[in-house]
Amino acid sequence: MPNKTNIPVFILAGGMGTRISEETSLRPKPMIEIGEIPILLHLMRWYYSFGFTEFVICAGYRSWEIKEYFLTYEFRRNHLRIDHREATNFLPMTLGKNSEQENWRVDIIDTGVESMTGARLARALDELSRYHSFSNFALTYGDGLSDINLEEELKFHLSHGRIGTVLGVPPAARWGELDISSDMEVEGFLEKPEARAGLINGGFFFFRREFRDFLSAQADCVLERAPLTQLSAARQLMVYKHTGFWHPMDTLRDKYHLQSIWDSGKAPWKSDTTFGSTSPVQKEGADGIAPTSETVGHA
C-alpha cells in the first residue's frame, strides 16, 4: 500500500450548482454548510481521517469564496492575537494551536468559470504536475457525502491493475413505488424504496496518472462523457460497489435532508480528524466489474 500522503485528492468545486440556486447565488456549491461546516470540509475531513493529506480544489465559480475560507481557516481553528502595541503593521497570528487542526496541504486551482468537469480536472492535473510527481490520485465531486471506506477502495484500485476505479452505489428512488400485479392491482406501496437493481456513479474515484491522456483541457470536456466512456470502452475502468451511506446534495431538499442527519448526531460521514481514527461500519464489497459506457455524473 503506497503512502496515502503522496496520493493527491482532487475535488471538483467549480460548477455553478444551478439546481440549488437558492444557495449558490451567494457562494459556490461546495461551500454550502451542513452543521455550519462547508460540505467541502466534510469531504476533506473524511479523506484526511484515512491518511490523505494533499488536496487540490478545482475551483471556478466564485473561487475567491473558497480561497478566502482557507486563508482564514487557521484562525477559525485557533485563538487569534492582533498585537499593534509596537507597530500597526504586525500581522495577526494564532495564539496556541488547536490539537484538532489538520496537518494538510491545500492547493486551490482556478480552472475557469465556464469549464466542465473534465477540463477542470485536466487543468488541475497539469498545474500540479509542474511541482509534484505522483502515480495515482483520488477524485471526487464537491457535493456528495458517504461513509465509503477509502482504504478498501484504494486497495481494490491498486489490485486490479486498470487505470480507473469508480464507486458504484444503488440509486435511491425519490418517489413512492407501486408494486403492481399483471392485472394492474396494487399489491404494495413502498414509500421510499431503494432501486432494485443497477448502480450509478457514486463520485469517489481513484485513477492512475495515465488517465490524463483521456482528458482535454478544452472547456467543453465533460468527465462523464468522452473520458469515462472511452476509458470503459478500453476496459480500463472498474467499479467498487458500496451499499452503505451515500447521498448527493443536488437540491435544497437534499441539503435539508443532510442537515437533519447531522442534527441527529448520527451522521455516517462524521469523523475525528486524527489519522486512522475513523472506524466506519461498512456494508460493501469490492466487485470487479467493467462498467458500461453509461456513467452518471453530477453537475
Protein backbone atom coordinates (compact mmCIF):
# COMPACT_ATOMS: atom_id res chain seq x y z
CA MET A 1 0.00 0.00 0.00
CA PRO A 2 1.56 3.33 -1.05
CA ASN A 3 1.85 6.22 1.34
CA LYS A 4 -1.51 7.97 1.04
CA THR A 5 0.10 11.31 1.80
CA ASN A 6 1.58 11.03 -1.73
CA ILE A 7 -1.82 10.50 -3.37
CA PRO A 8 -3.41 13.88 -4.12
CA VAL A 9 -7.18 14.22 -3.76
CA PHE A 10 -8.76 16.36 -6.48
CA ILE A 11 -12.14 17.86 -5.61
CA LEU A 12 -14.34 19.32 -8.36
CA ALA A 13 -15.62 22.55 -6.86
CA GLY A 14 -16.14 24.96 -9.74
CA GLY A 15 -19.68 24.43 -11.02
CA MET A 16 -22.49 26.93 -10.55
CA GLY A 17 -24.92 24.48 -8.93
CA THR A 18 -27.97 25.80 -10.77
CA ARG A 19 -30.27 23.16 -9.26
CA ILE A 20 -29.69 24.63 -5.81
CA SER A 21 -29.55 28.29 -6.85
CA GLU A 22 -31.23 29.36 -3.62
CA GLU A 23 -27.83 28.79 -2.01
CA THR A 24 -25.34 29.14 -4.86
CA SER A 25 -26.32 32.67 -5.82
CA LEU A 26 -24.16 33.73 -2.88
CA ARG A 27 -21.43 31.07 -2.72
CA PRO A 28 -20.02 28.07 -4.58
CA LYS A 29 -21.98 24.87 -4.09
CA PRO A 30 -19.19 23.10 -2.11
CA MET A 31 -19.28 25.96 0.40
CA ILE A 32 -22.91 25.30 1.33
CA GLU A 33 -22.91 24.43 5.01
CA ILE A 34 -24.14 21.31 6.76
CA GLY A 35 -23.98 21.89 10.50
CA GLU A 36 -22.21 25.23 9.93
CA ILE A 37 -19.41 23.37 8.12
CA PRO A 38 -18.99 23.62 4.32
CA ILE A 39 -19.69 20.32 2.59
CA LEU A 40 -16.24 20.68 1.05
CA LEU A 41 -14.69 20.50 4.51
CA HIS A 42 -16.81 17.47 5.45
CA LEU A 43 -15.36 15.70 2.40
CA MET A 44 -11.79 16.71 3.12
CA ARG A 45 -12.00 15.58 6.73
CA TRP A 46 -13.33 12.17 5.63
CA TYR A 47 -10.33 11.68 3.30
CA TYR A 48 -7.99 13.04 5.96
CA SER A 49 -9.21 10.51 8.51
CA PHE A 50 -7.88 7.78 6.18
CA GLY A 51 -4.46 9.43 5.90
CA PHE A 52 -4.83 11.59 2.76
CA THR A 53 -3.17 14.97 3.32
CA GLU A 54 -2.83 16.58 -0.10
CA PHE A 55 -5.92 18.28 -1.51
CA VAL A 56 -6.37 20.03 -4.84
CA ILE A 57 -9.53 22.11 -5.10
CA CYS A 58 -10.57 22.55 -8.74
CA ALA A 59 -12.24 25.94 -8.36
CA GLY A 60 -14.15 28.08 -10.83
CA TYR A 61 -17.39 29.87 -9.98
CA ARG A 62 -16.79 32.30 -7.08
CA SER A 63 -13.39 30.73 -6.45
CA TRP A 64 -12.45 33.60 -4.14
CA GLU A 65 -15.00 32.39 -1.61
CA ILE A 66 -13.05 29.13 -1.30
CA LYS A 67 -9.67 30.86 -1.18
CA GLU A 68 -10.83 33.29 1.47
CA TYR A 69 -12.18 30.47 3.63
CA PHE A 70 -8.86 28.63 3.67
CA LEU A 71 -6.83 31.82 4.05
CA THR A 72 -8.58 32.33 7.38
CA TYR A 73 -9.02 28.65 8.25
CA GLU A 74 -6.14 28.59 10.72
CA PHE A 75 -7.74 31.47 12.61
CA ARG A 76 -11.08 29.65 12.61
CA ARG A 77 -9.46 26.66 14.29
CA ASN A 78 -7.32 28.54 16.82
CA HIS A 79 -7.29 31.53 19.11
CA LEU A 80 -6.43 34.83 17.43
CA ARG A 81 -3.97 37.53 18.53
CA ILE A 82 -3.76 41.00 16.99
CA ASP A 83 -0.94 42.99 18.61
CA HIS A 84 -0.42 46.57 17.42
CA ARG A 85 1.27 47.88 20.55
CA GLU A 86 4.66 48.32 18.88
CA ALA A 87 3.66 48.60 15.22
CA THR A 88 0.35 48.70 13.42
CA ASN A 89 1.65 46.60 10.53
CA PHE A 90 2.21 43.43 12.61
CA LEU A 91 0.15 40.68 11.08
CA PRO A 92 -2.49 38.76 13.05
CA MET A 93 -1.27 35.46 14.43
CA THR A 94 -2.71 32.36 16.02
CA LEU A 95 -2.45 32.00 19.75
CA GLY A 96 -1.61 28.41 20.57
CA LYS A 97 -2.66 25.57 18.32
CA ASN A 98 -5.85 23.56 18.34
CA SER A 99 -4.95 19.89 18.70
CA GLU A 100 -7.60 19.05 16.11
CA GLN A 101 -6.20 21.30 13.38
CA GLU A 102 -5.39 19.26 10.31
CA ASN A 103 -1.84 18.87 9.03
CA TRP A 104 -2.67 19.00 5.35
CA ARG A 105 -1.75 20.86 2.16
CA VAL A 106 -4.46 22.57 0.17
CA ASP A 107 -3.97 23.87 -3.39
CA ILE A 108 -6.82 25.89 -4.87
CA ILE A 109 -6.53 25.95 -8.66
CA ASP A 110 -8.56 28.34 -10.80
CA THR A 111 -9.81 26.07 -13.58
CA GLY A 112 -12.17 28.52 -15.31
CA VAL A 113 -15.68 29.70 -14.56
CA GLU A 114 -17.19 28.08 -17.65
CA SER A 115 -15.12 24.88 -17.65
CA MET A 116 -16.77 21.48 -17.47
CA THR A 117 -15.69 18.69 -15.11
CA GLY A 118 -13.16 17.03 -17.44
CA ALA A 119 -11.48 20.30 -18.29
CA ARG A 120 -11.25 21.25 -14.62
CA LEU A 121 -9.51 18.01 -13.78
CA ALA A 122 -7.15 18.24 -16.77
CA ARG A 123 -6.10 21.78 -15.92
CA ALA A 124 -5.59 20.99 -12.25
CA LEU A 125 -3.57 17.86 -13.10
CA ASP A 126 -1.34 19.86 -15.43
CA GLU A 127 -0.77 22.55 -12.82
CA LEU A 128 0.02 20.13 -10.00
CA SER A 129 2.33 18.07 -12.25
CA ARG A 130 4.60 21.10 -12.55
CA TYR A 131 5.51 20.76 -8.88
CA HIS A 132 4.74 17.22 -7.84
CA SER A 133 5.23 13.68 -9.15
CA PHE A 134 2.55 11.08 -8.39
CA SER A 135 1.39 7.76 -9.81
CA ASN A 136 -2.19 7.62 -8.54
CA PHE A 137 -4.73 10.20 -7.48
CA ALA A 138 -8.21 10.40 -5.99
CA LEU A 139 -11.08 12.41 -7.41
CA THR A 140 -14.49 13.34 -6.06
CA TYR A 141 -17.25 15.85 -6.58
CA GLY A 142 -17.65 18.62 -4.04
CA ASP A 143 -21.30 17.92 -3.41
CA GLY A 144 -21.80 14.40 -2.07
CA LEU A 145 -21.20 12.63 1.23
CA SER A 146 -20.62 8.97 2.02
CA ASP A 147 -19.21 6.62 4.63
CA ILE A 148 -17.15 4.85 1.97
CA ASN A 149 -14.10 3.02 3.31
CA LEU A 150 -11.47 4.78 1.21
CA GLU A 151 -8.73 2.44 2.43
CA GLU A 152 -10.54 -0.55 0.95
CA GLU A 153 -11.43 1.21 -2.30
CA LEU A 154 -7.79 2.23 -2.76
CA LYS A 155 -6.64 -1.35 -2.11
CA PHE A 156 -9.10 -2.56 -4.73
CA HIS A 157 -7.90 0.08 -7.19
CA LEU A 158 -4.27 -0.93 -6.79
CA SER A 159 -5.08 -4.64 -7.01
CA HIS A 160 -6.82 -4.79 -10.39
CA GLY A 161 -4.18 -3.00 -12.46
CA ARG A 162 -6.60 -0.92 -14.54
CA ILE A 163 -6.41 2.84 -14.94
CA GLY A 164 -9.57 3.80 -13.09
CA THR A 165 -11.92 2.83 -10.27
CA VAL A 166 -15.34 4.37 -9.74
CA LEU A 167 -17.57 3.96 -6.71
CA GLY A 168 -20.84 2.26 -7.66
CA VAL A 169 -23.87 2.92 -5.46
CA PRO A 170 -27.55 1.90 -5.71
CA PRO A 171 -29.75 4.79 -6.81
CA ALA A 172 -32.33 5.90 -4.26
CA ALA A 173 -35.85 6.45 -5.58
CA ARG A 174 -37.37 9.78 -4.56
CA TRP A 175 -40.99 8.83 -5.01
CA GLY A 176 -43.29 6.14 -3.73
CA GLU A 177 -43.06 2.95 -5.77
CA LEU A 178 -46.15 0.91 -6.62
CA ASP A 179 -45.81 -2.86 -6.52
CA ILE A 180 -48.42 -3.99 -9.05
CA SER A 181 -49.68 -7.33 -10.35
CA SER A 182 -50.13 -8.29 -14.01
CA ASP A 183 -53.79 -7.20 -13.88
CA MET A 184 -52.78 -3.76 -12.53
CA GLU A 185 -53.80 -4.40 -8.92
CA VAL A 186 -51.68 -2.55 -6.39
CA GLU A 187 -50.15 -5.24 -4.20
CA GLY A 188 -47.90 -2.99 -2.19
CA PHE A 189 -46.71 0.58 -1.77
CA LEU A 190 -43.11 1.42 -0.90
CA GLU A 191 -42.93 4.99 0.39
CA LYS A 192 -39.18 5.46 -0.04
CA PRO A 193 -37.89 2.44 -1.92
CA GLU A 194 -34.33 1.75 -2.88
CA ALA A 195 -33.77 0.97 -6.53
CA ARG A 196 -33.98 -2.77 -7.04
CA ALA A 197 -31.13 -3.19 -9.49
CA GLY A 198 -28.21 -1.37 -11.04
CA LEU A 199 -25.55 1.00 -9.81
CA ILE A 200 -24.82 4.65 -10.52
CA ASN A 201 -21.66 6.71 -10.35
CA GLY A 202 -21.12 7.49 -6.66
CA GLY A 203 -18.45 10.07 -7.42
CA PHE A 204 -15.49 8.71 -5.42
CA PHE A 205 -12.77 7.74 -7.93
CA PHE A 206 -9.19 6.57 -7.98
CA PHE A 207 -7.12 6.88 -11.16
CA ARG A 208 -3.62 6.17 -12.34
CA ARG A 209 -1.79 9.21 -13.71
CA GLU A 210 -2.32 7.90 -17.27
CA PHE A 211 -5.96 8.97 -17.12
CA ARG A 212 -4.74 12.42 -18.17
CA ASP A 213 -4.43 11.01 -21.72
CA PHE A 214 -8.22 10.61 -21.84
CA LEU A 215 -8.88 14.22 -20.81
CA SER A 216 -8.80 17.53 -22.63
CA ALA A 217 -8.14 20.95 -21.18
CA GLN A 218 -10.72 22.39 -23.58
CA ALA A 219 -13.52 23.98 -21.56
CA ASP A 220 -16.22 21.72 -23.03
CA CYS A 221 -14.61 18.45 -21.86
CA VAL A 222 -17.13 16.67 -19.64
CA LEU A 223 -15.59 13.98 -17.43
CA GLU A 224 -18.67 11.79 -17.52
CA ARG A 225 -18.89 11.73 -21.32
CA ALA A 226 -15.92 11.02 -23.59
CA PRO A 227 -13.20 10.46 -20.94
CA LEU A 228 -15.04 7.86 -18.85
CA THR A 229 -16.85 6.37 -21.84
CA GLN A 230 -13.55 5.85 -23.67
CA LEU A 231 -11.89 4.51 -20.53
CA SER A 232 -14.71 2.00 -20.14
CA ALA A 233 -14.55 1.02 -23.82
CA ALA A 234 -10.84 0.31 -23.35
CA ARG A 235 -11.77 -1.96 -20.42
CA GLN A 236 -9.73 0.21 -18.08
CA LEU A 237 -12.47 1.19 -15.63
CA MET A 238 -13.55 -0.95 -12.69
CA VAL A 239 -16.33 -0.40 -10.17
CA TYR A 240 -16.09 -0.69 -6.40
CA LYS A 241 -19.53 -1.46 -5.01
CA HIS A 242 -20.73 0.39 -1.93
CA THR A 243 -24.05 -0.26 -0.22
CA GLY A 244 -23.52 1.92 2.82
CA PHE A 245 -24.44 5.57 3.21
CA TRP A 246 -24.24 7.82 0.15
CA HIS A 247 -26.15 10.99 -0.60
CA PRO A 248 -25.58 13.84 -3.07
CA MET A 249 -26.55 17.45 -2.48
CA ASP A 250 -28.19 18.44 -5.73
CA THR A 251 -31.22 20.33 -4.43
CA LEU A 252 -32.36 22.31 -1.42
CA ARG A 253 -34.29 19.23 -0.36
CA ASP A 254 -31.01 17.27 -0.28
CA LYS A 255 -29.41 19.96 1.86
CA TYR A 256 -32.24 19.81 4.38
CA HIS A 257 -32.03 16.02 4.45
CA LEU A 258 -28.27 16.05 5.12
CA GLN A 259 -28.76 18.75 7.76
CA SER A 260 -31.37 16.63 9.53
CA ILE A 261 -28.96 13.68 9.60
CA TRP A 262 -26.25 15.92 11.04
CA ASP A 263 -28.61 17.33 13.66
CA SER A 264 -29.46 13.79 14.77
CA GLY A 265 -25.87 13.36 15.92
CA LYS A 266 -25.53 10.20 13.83
CA ALA A 267 -24.04 11.49 10.58
CA PRO A 268 -22.29 8.47 8.98
CA TRP A 269 -19.65 10.69 7.38
CA LYS A 270 -18.64 12.47 10.60
CA SER A 271 -15.10 11.61 11.59
CA ASP A 272 -12.42 12.59 14.04
CA THR A 273 -9.76 14.44 12.04
CA THR A 274 -6.93 12.43 13.59
CA PHE A 275 -5.23 9.98 11.22
CA GLY A 276 -6.63 6.49 11.32
CA SER A 277 -9.32 7.35 13.83
CA THR A 278 -12.21 6.51 11.55
CA SER A 279 -13.76 3.11 12.13
CA PRO A 280 -16.68 3.09 9.69
CA VAL A 281 -19.13 0.22 9.81
CA GLN A 282 -19.39 -0.85 6.20
CA LYS A 283 -21.75 -2.92 4.17
CA GLU A 284 -19.84 -3.09 0.98
CA GLY A 285 -18.00 -5.37 -1.33
CA ALA A 286 -15.32 -4.99 -3.97
CA ASP A 287 -16.80 -6.30 -7.17
CA GLY A 288 -14.53 -6.20 -10.19
CA ILE A 289 -16.95 -5.15 -12.89
CA ALA A 290 -16.15 -3.43 -16.16
CA PRO A 291 -18.94 -0.83 -16.32
CA THR A 292 -20.87 0.01 -19.45
CA SER A 293 -20.39 3.39 -21.09
CA GLU A 294 -23.46 4.70 -19.25
CA THR A 295 -21.80 6.69 -16.49
CA VAL A 296 -23.80 9.06 -14.36
CA GLY A 297 -22.32 12.34 -13.19
CA HIS A 298 -23.04 15.39 -11.10
CA ALA A 299 -23.41 18.93 -12.30
